[in-house]
Amino acid sequence: MRDWPRPGVNFRDVTTLFHDPVAFSRAIDAFAEESDKRPFDIIAAVDARGFTIGGALAYRLRKPFVLVRKKGKLPFKTISESYQLEYGAAAVEIHMDACRPGDRVLIVDDLIATGGTLLAAAKLFHQLGGRVAGVAALIDLVELGGSTKLRAAGYNVYALCEFSESE
């Protein structure tokens, strides 16, 4: 959807994928196959559409599942990290017991845009002594530069597809 939620922003809606059980299961299978290449201990997913992908993948792979939530949404002791969006600022947080030192974490979201959310999530796990084994998303919006920033930070990046801003 063009110019939503603000002029100049193109919103990519993945909810139609969730509505198609065959396509959604194939997407989760593709993530599972890719995850075999990089060992990890925990799947973390970013609020909110990432929860659907991460939860299904955690179930499929029988891995612990961690929520990376918008600030103020978790009930226990948390740590938080602020970041810039293409249209403002935000913060994410995780519980203080989300991982142990040395745990390898795969961070999942619906898409990679500027990379701010995923970089903030990665910083949170590093603060707890975790290691980010990789970042996975359904869509990479390559022109916005997030996947480049994530790779420059040393993270393995996997996306099922890419879109340009003109598509």
N, C-alpha and C. Protein backbone atom coordinates (compact mmCIF):
# COMPACT_ATOMS: atom_id res chain seq x y z
N MET A 1 0.85 -1.16 0.00
CA MET A 1 0.00 0.00 0.00
C MET A 1 0.91 1.23 0.00
N ARG A 2 0.72 2.08 -0.97
CA ARG A 2 1.55 3.28 -1.10
C ARG A 2 1.07 4.38 -0.15
N ASP A 3 2.06 5.13 0.35
CA ASP A 3 1.81 6.29 1.21
C ASP A 3 1.02 5.96 2.47
N TRP A 4 1.33 4.80 3.05
CA TRP A 4 0.72 4.43 4.33
C TRP A 4 1.79 3.82 5.21
N PRO A 5 1.94 4.16 6.44
CA PRO A 5 1.05 5.00 7.24
C PRO A 5 1.28 6.50 7.07
N ARG A 6 2.30 6.86 6.27
CA ARG A 6 2.58 8.27 6.00
C ARG A 6 2.97 8.43 4.55
N PRO A 7 2.83 9.63 4.00
CA PRO A 7 3.27 9.87 2.62
C PRO A 7 4.75 9.49 2.45
N GLY A 8 5.04 8.82 1.37
CA GLY A 8 6.41 8.40 1.09
C GLY A 8 6.78 7.02 1.60
N VAL A 9 5.91 6.41 2.41
CA VAL A 9 6.16 5.07 2.95
C VAL A 9 5.27 4.09 2.19
N ASN A 10 5.88 3.00 1.75
CA ASN A 10 5.12 1.94 1.07
C ASN A 10 5.01 0.75 2.01
N PHE A 11 3.81 0.48 2.50
CA PHE A 11 3.55 -0.60 3.45
C PHE A 11 3.44 -1.91 2.70
N ARG A 12 4.14 -2.92 3.17
CA ARG A 12 4.09 -4.26 2.57
C ARG A 12 3.29 -5.16 3.50
N ASP A 13 2.14 -5.61 3.05
CA ASP A 13 1.23 -6.40 3.87
C ASP A 13 1.45 -7.89 3.64
N VAL A 14 1.84 -8.62 4.70
CA VAL A 14 2.08 -10.06 4.59
C VAL A 14 0.90 -10.88 5.10
N THR A 15 -0.16 -10.23 5.53
CA THR A 15 -1.27 -10.98 6.12
C THR A 15 -1.97 -11.90 5.13
N THR A 16 -1.89 -11.59 3.84
CA THR A 16 -2.48 -12.49 2.85
C THR A 16 -1.73 -13.82 2.82
N LEU A 17 -0.43 -13.82 3.08
CA LEU A 17 0.33 -15.06 3.17
C LEU A 17 -0.18 -15.90 4.34
N PHE A 18 -0.45 -15.28 5.47
CA PHE A 18 -0.93 -16.00 6.64
C PHE A 18 -2.29 -16.63 6.39
N HIS A 19 -3.07 -16.05 5.50
CA HIS A 19 -4.41 -16.53 5.20
C HIS A 19 -4.41 -17.75 4.27
N ASP A 20 -3.27 -17.99 3.62
CA ASP A 20 -3.15 -19.11 2.69
C ASP A 20 -2.33 -20.22 3.35
N PRO A 21 -2.97 -21.27 3.88
CA PRO A 21 -2.24 -22.27 4.65
C PRO A 21 -1.15 -23.00 3.87
N VAL A 22 -1.35 -23.22 2.60
CA VAL A 22 -0.32 -23.90 1.81
C VAL A 22 0.90 -22.99 1.62
N ALA A 23 0.67 -21.76 1.22
CA ALA A 23 1.77 -20.82 1.02
C ALA A 23 2.50 -20.54 2.33
N PHE A 24 1.74 -20.38 3.41
CA PHE A 24 2.36 -20.10 4.71
C PHE A 24 3.21 -21.29 5.16
N SER A 25 2.72 -22.50 5.01
CA SER A 25 3.50 -23.66 5.43
C SER A 25 4.76 -23.80 4.57
N ARG A 26 4.66 -23.46 3.29
CA ARG A 26 5.86 -23.50 2.43
C ARG A 26 6.88 -22.45 2.87
N ALA A 27 6.42 -21.29 3.27
CA ALA A 27 7.34 -20.27 3.77
C ALA A 27 8.04 -20.74 5.03
N ILE A 28 7.30 -21.32 5.96
CA ILE A 28 7.91 -21.84 7.19
C ILE A 28 8.88 -22.97 6.87
N ASP A 29 8.52 -23.83 5.94
CA ASP A 29 9.44 -24.91 5.52
C ASP A 29 10.73 -24.33 4.95
N ALA A 30 10.62 -23.26 4.16
CA ALA A 30 11.82 -22.63 3.59
C ALA A 30 12.71 -22.06 4.69
N PHE A 31 12.10 -21.41 5.69
CA PHE A 31 12.88 -20.90 6.83
C PHE A 31 13.55 -22.06 7.57
N ALA A 32 12.82 -23.15 7.77
CA ALA A 32 13.37 -24.31 8.48
C ALA A 32 14.55 -24.90 7.73
N GLU A 33 14.44 -25.02 6.41
CA GLU A 33 15.55 -25.54 5.61
C GLU A 33 16.77 -24.63 5.69
N GLU A 34 16.55 -23.34 5.61
CA GLU A 34 17.65 -22.37 5.70
C GLU A 34 18.29 -22.41 7.09
N SER A 35 17.48 -22.62 8.12
CA SER A 35 18.02 -22.61 9.48
C SER A 35 18.94 -23.80 9.74
N ASP A 36 18.81 -24.85 8.95
CA ASP A 36 19.73 -25.99 9.09
C ASP A 36 21.16 -25.59 8.80
N LYS A 37 21.37 -24.52 8.06
CA LYS A 37 22.71 -24.08 7.68
C LYS A 37 23.42 -23.31 8.79
N ARG A 38 22.65 -22.80 9.76
CA ARG A 38 23.22 -21.99 10.84
C ARG A 38 22.63 -22.45 12.17
N PRO A 39 23.41 -23.15 12.96
CA PRO A 39 22.86 -23.62 14.23
C PRO A 39 22.46 -22.47 15.16
N PHE A 40 21.36 -22.66 15.85
CA PHE A 40 20.91 -21.67 16.84
C PHE A 40 20.13 -22.39 17.92
N ASP A 41 19.98 -21.71 19.06
CA ASP A 41 19.33 -22.28 20.23
C ASP A 41 17.92 -21.73 20.45
N ILE A 42 17.70 -20.48 20.07
CA ILE A 42 16.46 -19.76 20.38
C ILE A 42 15.98 -19.02 19.14
N ILE A 43 14.67 -18.98 18.95
CA ILE A 43 14.07 -18.14 17.92
C ILE A 43 13.44 -16.94 18.62
N ALA A 44 13.81 -15.76 18.15
CA ALA A 44 13.22 -14.52 18.65
C ALA A 44 12.45 -13.88 17.50
N ALA A 45 11.29 -13.34 17.78
CA ALA A 45 10.50 -12.70 16.73
C ALA A 45 10.09 -11.31 17.17
N VAL A 46 10.04 -10.41 16.17
CA VAL A 46 9.79 -9.00 16.42
C VAL A 46 8.29 -8.71 16.29
N ASP A 47 7.79 -7.91 17.21
CA ASP A 47 6.42 -7.43 17.29
C ASP A 47 6.02 -6.77 15.96
N ALA A 48 4.94 -7.12 15.38
CA ALA A 48 3.93 -8.08 15.73
C ALA A 48 3.84 -9.17 14.67
N ARG A 49 3.96 -8.82 13.38
CA ARG A 49 3.82 -9.86 12.35
C ARG A 49 4.93 -10.90 12.45
N GLY A 50 6.07 -10.53 12.97
CA GLY A 50 7.15 -11.50 13.17
C GLY A 50 6.76 -12.60 14.12
N PHE A 51 5.82 -12.32 15.04
CA PHE A 51 5.38 -13.34 15.99
C PHE A 51 4.74 -14.53 15.26
N THR A 52 3.98 -14.26 14.23
CA THR A 52 3.31 -15.33 13.49
C THR A 52 4.34 -16.25 12.84
N ILE A 53 5.33 -15.66 12.22
CA ILE A 53 6.38 -16.44 11.55
C ILE A 53 7.25 -17.15 12.58
N GLY A 54 7.72 -16.42 13.57
CA GLY A 54 8.60 -17.00 14.58
C GLY A 54 7.93 -18.08 15.39
N GLY A 55 6.67 -17.89 15.75
CA GLY A 55 5.96 -18.91 16.51
C GLY A 55 5.79 -20.19 15.72
N ALA A 56 5.42 -20.06 14.45
CA ALA A 56 5.27 -21.25 13.61
C ALA A 56 6.61 -21.95 13.41
N LEU A 57 7.67 -21.18 13.22
CA LEU A 57 8.99 -21.77 13.03
C LEU A 57 9.50 -22.44 14.31
N ALA A 58 9.28 -21.81 15.45
CA ALA A 58 9.68 -22.41 16.72
C ALA A 58 8.95 -23.72 16.95
N TYR A 59 7.67 -23.76 16.64
CA TYR A 59 6.90 -24.99 16.76
C TYR A 59 7.46 -26.06 15.82
N ARG A 60 7.70 -25.67 14.58
CA ARG A 60 8.21 -26.62 13.57
C ARG A 60 9.55 -27.21 13.97
N LEU A 61 10.45 -26.36 14.54
CA LEU A 61 11.80 -26.80 14.87
C LEU A 61 11.98 -27.21 16.34
N ARG A 62 10.89 -27.07 17.14
CA ARG A 62 10.94 -27.41 18.57
C ARG A 62 12.02 -26.62 19.30
N LYS A 63 11.99 -25.31 19.09
CA LYS A 63 12.96 -24.40 19.71
C LYS A 63 12.24 -23.45 20.66
N PRO A 64 12.95 -22.96 21.68
CA PRO A 64 12.37 -21.93 22.54
C PRO A 64 12.06 -20.67 21.72
N PHE A 65 11.03 -19.96 22.15
CA PHE A 65 10.55 -18.80 21.41
C PHE A 65 10.54 -17.57 22.32
N VAL A 66 11.13 -16.48 21.85
CA VAL A 66 11.24 -15.24 22.61
C VAL A 66 10.55 -14.12 21.84
N LEU A 67 9.80 -13.29 22.55
CA LEU A 67 9.13 -12.14 21.95
C LEU A 67 9.98 -10.88 22.11
N VAL A 68 10.19 -10.18 21.00
CA VAL A 68 10.80 -8.84 21.02
C VAL A 68 9.63 -7.90 20.84
N ARG A 69 9.25 -7.22 21.94
CA ARG A 69 8.02 -6.43 21.96
C ARG A 69 8.28 -4.94 21.89
N LYS A 70 7.26 -4.22 21.49
CA LYS A 70 7.31 -2.77 21.59
C LYS A 70 7.39 -2.42 23.07
N LYS A 71 8.06 -1.32 23.35
CA LYS A 71 8.30 -0.91 24.73
C LYS A 71 6.99 -0.80 25.51
N GLY A 72 7.02 -1.35 26.74
CA GLY A 72 5.87 -1.25 27.64
C GLY A 72 4.88 -2.40 27.53
N LYS A 73 5.17 -3.41 26.75
CA LYS A 73 4.22 -4.51 26.53
C LYS A 73 4.57 -5.79 27.28
N LEU A 74 5.74 -5.86 27.87
CA LEU A 74 6.14 -7.08 28.58
C LEU A 74 6.00 -6.90 30.09
N PRO A 75 5.51 -7.91 30.82
CA PRO A 75 5.20 -7.76 32.23
C PRO A 75 6.36 -7.95 33.20
N PHE A 76 7.46 -8.54 32.78
CA PHE A 76 8.55 -8.87 33.70
C PHE A 76 9.65 -7.82 33.56
N LYS A 77 10.77 -8.03 34.24
CA LYS A 77 11.92 -7.13 34.12
C LYS A 77 12.45 -7.19 32.70
N THR A 78 12.68 -6.01 32.12
CA THR A 78 13.08 -5.94 30.72
C THR A 78 14.31 -5.06 30.52
N ILE A 79 14.90 -5.20 29.33
CA ILE A 79 15.87 -4.24 28.83
C ILE A 79 15.31 -3.72 27.53
N SER A 80 15.63 -2.48 27.18
CA SER A 80 15.07 -1.90 25.96
C SER A 80 16.15 -1.22 25.14
N GLU A 81 15.83 -1.04 23.86
CA GLU A 81 16.73 -0.40 22.91
C GLU A 81 15.90 0.47 21.98
N SER A 82 16.31 1.74 21.82
CA SER A 82 15.63 2.66 20.92
C SER A 82 16.27 2.59 19.54
N TYR A 83 15.50 2.95 18.51
CA TYR A 83 15.99 2.94 17.14
C TYR A 83 15.15 3.87 16.29
N GLN A 84 15.63 4.15 15.08
CA GLN A 84 14.92 5.01 14.14
C GLN A 84 14.20 4.17 13.10
N LEU A 85 12.97 4.55 12.81
CA LEU A 85 12.20 3.97 11.72
C LEU A 85 12.31 4.90 10.52
N GLU A 86 11.81 4.44 9.35
CA GLU A 86 11.81 5.33 8.21
C GLU A 86 10.89 6.53 8.44
N TYR A 87 10.00 6.43 9.42
CA TYR A 87 9.04 7.52 9.66
C TYR A 87 8.90 7.86 11.14
N GLY A 88 9.99 7.75 11.90
CA GLY A 88 9.93 8.13 13.30
C GLY A 88 10.90 7.34 14.15
N ALA A 89 10.63 7.29 15.44
CA ALA A 89 11.48 6.56 16.38
C ALA A 89 10.62 5.58 17.17
N ALA A 90 11.25 4.54 17.69
CA ALA A 90 10.54 3.54 18.48
C ALA A 90 11.54 2.86 19.41
N ALA A 91 11.05 1.93 20.21
CA ALA A 91 11.92 1.15 21.10
C ALA A 91 11.33 -0.26 21.21
N VAL A 92 12.22 -1.23 21.35
CA VAL A 92 11.81 -2.61 21.58
C VAL A 92 12.45 -3.09 22.87
N GLU A 93 11.87 -4.16 23.42
CA GLU A 93 12.43 -4.71 24.65
C GLU A 93 12.22 -6.21 24.71
N ILE A 94 13.03 -6.83 25.56
CA ILE A 94 12.93 -8.26 25.83
C ILE A 94 13.02 -8.45 27.33
N HIS A 95 12.56 -9.61 27.79
CA HIS A 95 12.72 -9.95 29.20
C HIS A 95 14.19 -10.16 29.52
N MET A 96 14.55 -9.87 30.76
CA MET A 96 15.94 -10.03 31.21
C MET A 96 16.41 -11.49 31.12
N ASP A 97 15.49 -12.44 31.12
CA ASP A 97 15.86 -13.86 31.03
C ASP A 97 15.60 -14.44 29.65
N ALA A 98 15.58 -13.59 28.61
CA ALA A 98 15.27 -14.04 27.26
C ALA A 98 16.31 -15.01 26.71
N CYS A 99 17.54 -14.87 27.15
CA CYS A 99 18.59 -15.81 26.74
C CYS A 99 19.67 -15.84 27.81
N ARG A 100 20.51 -16.85 27.71
CA ARG A 100 21.66 -16.98 28.60
C ARG A 100 22.92 -16.62 27.83
N PRO A 101 23.98 -16.26 28.52
CA PRO A 101 25.24 -16.00 27.82
C PRO A 101 25.63 -17.19 26.95
N GLY A 102 25.98 -16.89 25.71
CA GLY A 102 26.38 -17.93 24.78
C GLY A 102 25.26 -18.49 23.92
N ASP A 103 24.00 -18.26 24.29
CA ASP A 103 22.89 -18.74 23.47
C ASP A 103 22.98 -18.11 22.08
N ARG A 104 22.72 -18.92 21.07
CA ARG A 104 22.69 -18.46 19.68
C ARG A 104 21.23 -18.18 19.32
N VAL A 105 20.97 -16.97 18.84
CA VAL A 105 19.60 -16.51 18.61
C VAL A 105 19.38 -16.23 17.12
N LEU A 106 18.29 -16.76 16.59
CA LEU A 106 17.83 -16.41 15.25
C LEU A 106 16.69 -15.41 15.43
N ILE A 107 16.84 -14.23 14.84
CA ILE A 107 15.82 -13.18 14.96
C ILE A 107 14.99 -13.16 13.67
N VAL A 108 13.66 -13.24 13.82
CA VAL A 108 12.74 -13.34 12.69
C VAL A 108 11.79 -12.14 12.69
N ASP A 109 11.53 -11.63 11.49
CA ASP A 109 10.53 -10.57 11.33
C ASP A 109 9.85 -10.73 9.97
N ASP A 110 8.82 -9.94 9.74
CA ASP A 110 8.13 -10.05 8.46
C ASP A 110 8.95 -9.45 7.33
N LEU A 111 9.61 -8.32 7.59
CA LEU A 111 10.41 -7.71 6.53
C LEU A 111 11.60 -6.95 7.08
N ILE A 112 12.54 -6.72 6.18
CA ILE A 112 13.71 -5.90 6.49
C ILE A 112 13.56 -4.61 5.70
N ALA A 113 13.47 -3.49 6.41
CA ALA A 113 13.37 -2.19 5.75
C ALA A 113 14.70 -1.46 5.97
N THR A 114 14.75 -0.54 6.92
CA THR A 114 15.99 0.19 7.19
C THR A 114 16.93 -0.59 8.11
N GLY A 115 16.43 -1.67 8.71
CA GLY A 115 17.25 -2.49 9.59
C GLY A 115 17.25 -2.05 11.04
N GLY A 116 16.64 -0.92 11.34
CA GLY A 116 16.69 -0.39 12.70
C GLY A 116 16.10 -1.31 13.75
N THR A 117 14.95 -1.88 13.47
CA THR A 117 14.29 -2.76 14.43
C THR A 117 15.14 -4.00 14.70
N LEU A 118 15.63 -4.62 13.64
CA LEU A 118 16.42 -5.85 13.79
C LEU A 118 17.76 -5.58 14.45
N LEU A 119 18.39 -4.46 14.14
CA LEU A 119 19.65 -4.10 14.81
C LEU A 119 19.42 -3.84 16.30
N ALA A 120 18.30 -3.18 16.62
CA ALA A 120 17.97 -2.94 18.03
C ALA A 120 17.73 -4.26 18.75
N ALA A 121 17.01 -5.17 18.12
CA ALA A 121 16.76 -6.48 18.72
C ALA A 121 18.07 -7.22 18.95
N ALA A 122 18.96 -7.18 17.98
CA ALA A 122 20.26 -7.84 18.12
C ALA A 122 21.05 -7.27 19.29
N LYS A 123 21.02 -5.95 19.46
CA LYS A 123 21.73 -5.31 20.58
C LYS A 123 21.20 -5.82 21.92
N LEU A 124 19.90 -6.03 22.01
CA LEU A 124 19.32 -6.52 23.26
C LEU A 124 19.89 -7.89 23.62
N PHE A 125 19.96 -8.80 22.66
CA PHE A 125 20.49 -10.13 22.94
C PHE A 125 21.98 -10.07 23.26
N HIS A 126 22.71 -9.19 22.61
CA HIS A 126 24.13 -9.01 22.94
C HIS A 126 24.30 -8.53 24.39
N GLN A 127 23.40 -7.64 24.82
CA GLN A 127 23.48 -7.14 26.21
C GLN A 127 23.34 -8.26 27.22
N LEU A 128 22.61 -9.31 26.86
CA LEU A 128 22.42 -10.46 27.76
C LEU A 128 23.49 -11.54 27.56
N GLY A 129 24.43 -11.28 26.66
CA GLY A 129 25.49 -12.25 26.40
C GLY A 129 25.17 -13.25 25.30
N GLY A 130 24.04 -13.05 24.62
CA GLY A 130 23.67 -13.94 23.52
C GLY A 130 24.43 -13.58 22.26
N ARG A 131 24.39 -14.49 21.30
CA ARG A 131 25.02 -14.27 19.99
C ARG A 131 23.93 -14.40 18.93
N VAL A 132 23.89 -13.48 18.02
CA VAL A 132 22.90 -13.52 16.96
C VAL A 132 23.43 -14.42 15.84
N ALA A 133 22.77 -15.56 15.66
CA ALA A 133 23.18 -16.53 14.64
C ALA A 133 22.72 -16.11 13.25
N GLY A 134 21.70 -15.28 13.19
CA GLY A 134 21.19 -14.82 11.91
C GLY A 134 19.91 -14.03 12.06
N VAL A 135 19.52 -13.43 10.95
CA VAL A 135 18.29 -12.66 10.86
C VAL A 135 17.54 -13.19 9.65
N ALA A 136 16.24 -13.44 9.81
CA ALA A 136 15.43 -13.98 8.71
C ALA A 136 14.15 -13.18 8.58
N ALA A 137 13.72 -12.97 7.33
CA ALA A 137 12.49 -12.23 7.07
C ALA A 137 11.84 -12.76 5.80
N LEU A 138 10.55 -12.52 5.70
CA LEU A 138 9.85 -12.87 4.46
C LEU A 138 10.31 -12.00 3.31
N ILE A 139 10.43 -10.69 3.56
CA ILE A 139 10.69 -9.71 2.51
C ILE A 139 11.89 -8.85 2.88
N ASP A 140 12.76 -8.62 1.90
CA ASP A 140 13.85 -7.65 2.03
C ASP A 140 13.55 -6.49 1.10
N LEU A 141 13.39 -5.31 1.66
CA LEU A 141 13.21 -4.09 0.87
C LEU A 141 14.60 -3.51 0.65
N VAL A 142 15.30 -4.06 -0.32
CA VAL A 142 16.73 -3.83 -0.51
C VAL A 142 17.09 -2.36 -0.62
N GLU A 143 16.30 -1.59 -1.33
CA GLU A 143 16.61 -0.18 -1.55
C GLU A 143 16.66 0.63 -0.25
N LEU A 144 16.02 0.15 0.80
CA LEU A 144 16.02 0.88 2.07
C LEU A 144 17.29 0.62 2.88
N GLY A 145 18.10 -0.37 2.46
CA GLY A 145 19.43 -0.54 3.03
C GLY A 145 19.56 -1.35 4.30
N GLY A 146 18.47 -1.89 4.81
CA GLY A 146 18.55 -2.62 6.08
C GLY A 146 19.40 -3.88 6.01
N SER A 147 19.23 -4.66 4.95
CA SER A 147 20.01 -5.89 4.86
C SER A 147 21.50 -5.59 4.72
N THR A 148 21.83 -4.50 4.04
CA THR A 148 23.24 -4.09 3.92
C THR A 148 23.80 -3.73 5.29
N LYS A 149 23.02 -2.98 6.08
CA LYS A 149 23.46 -2.61 7.44
C LYS A 149 23.63 -3.85 8.32
N LEU A 150 22.69 -4.78 8.21
CA LEU A 150 22.76 -6.00 9.03
C LEU A 150 23.99 -6.82 8.66
N ARG A 151 24.26 -6.97 7.37
CA ARG A 151 25.46 -7.71 6.95
C ARG A 151 26.73 -6.99 7.39
N ALA A 152 26.74 -5.66 7.29
CA ALA A 152 27.91 -4.87 7.72
C ALA A 152 28.15 -5.05 9.22
N ALA A 153 27.09 -5.30 9.97
CA ALA A 153 27.22 -5.53 11.42
C ALA A 153 27.64 -6.97 11.72
N GLY A 154 27.80 -7.78 10.67
CA GLY A 154 28.28 -9.14 10.84
C GLY A 154 27.21 -10.22 10.94
N TYR A 155 25.98 -9.88 10.61
CA TYR A 155 24.89 -10.85 10.74
C TYR A 155 24.60 -11.55 9.42
N ASN A 156 24.31 -12.85 9.50
CA ASN A 156 23.80 -13.59 8.36
C ASN A 156 22.37 -13.14 8.13
N VAL A 157 22.02 -12.86 6.89
CA VAL A 157 20.69 -12.36 6.55
C VAL A 157 20.06 -13.30 5.53
N TYR A 158 18.82 -13.68 5.79
CA TYR A 158 18.07 -14.52 4.86
C TYR A 158 16.68 -13.93 4.67
N ALA A 159 16.26 -13.77 3.41
CA ALA A 159 14.90 -13.33 3.11
C ALA A 159 14.35 -14.20 2.00
N LEU A 160 13.07 -14.50 2.07
CA LEU A 160 12.44 -15.33 1.05
C LEU A 160 12.30 -14.60 -0.28
N CYS A 161 12.13 -13.27 -0.25
CA CYS A 161 12.01 -12.51 -1.50
C CYS A 161 12.42 -11.07 -1.26
N GLU A 162 12.61 -10.35 -2.37
CA GLU A 162 12.99 -8.95 -2.33
C GLU A 162 11.98 -8.15 -3.14
N PHE A 163 11.77 -6.90 -2.71
CA PHE A 163 10.95 -5.97 -3.47
C PHE A 163 11.69 -4.65 -3.58
N SER A 164 11.51 -3.98 -4.72
CA SER A 164 12.02 -2.62 -4.85
C SER A 164 10.91 -1.67 -4.45
N GLU A 165 11.24 -0.44 -4.27
CA GLU A 165 10.24 0.56 -3.88
C GLU A 165 9.26 0.82 -5.02
N SER A 166 9.64 0.53 -6.26
CA SER A 166 8.75 0.79 -7.37
C SER A 166 7.77 -0.37 -7.63
N GLU A 167 8.01 -1.51 -7.00
CA GLU A 167 7.13 -2.68 -7.21
C GLU A 167 5.91 -2.61 -6.32
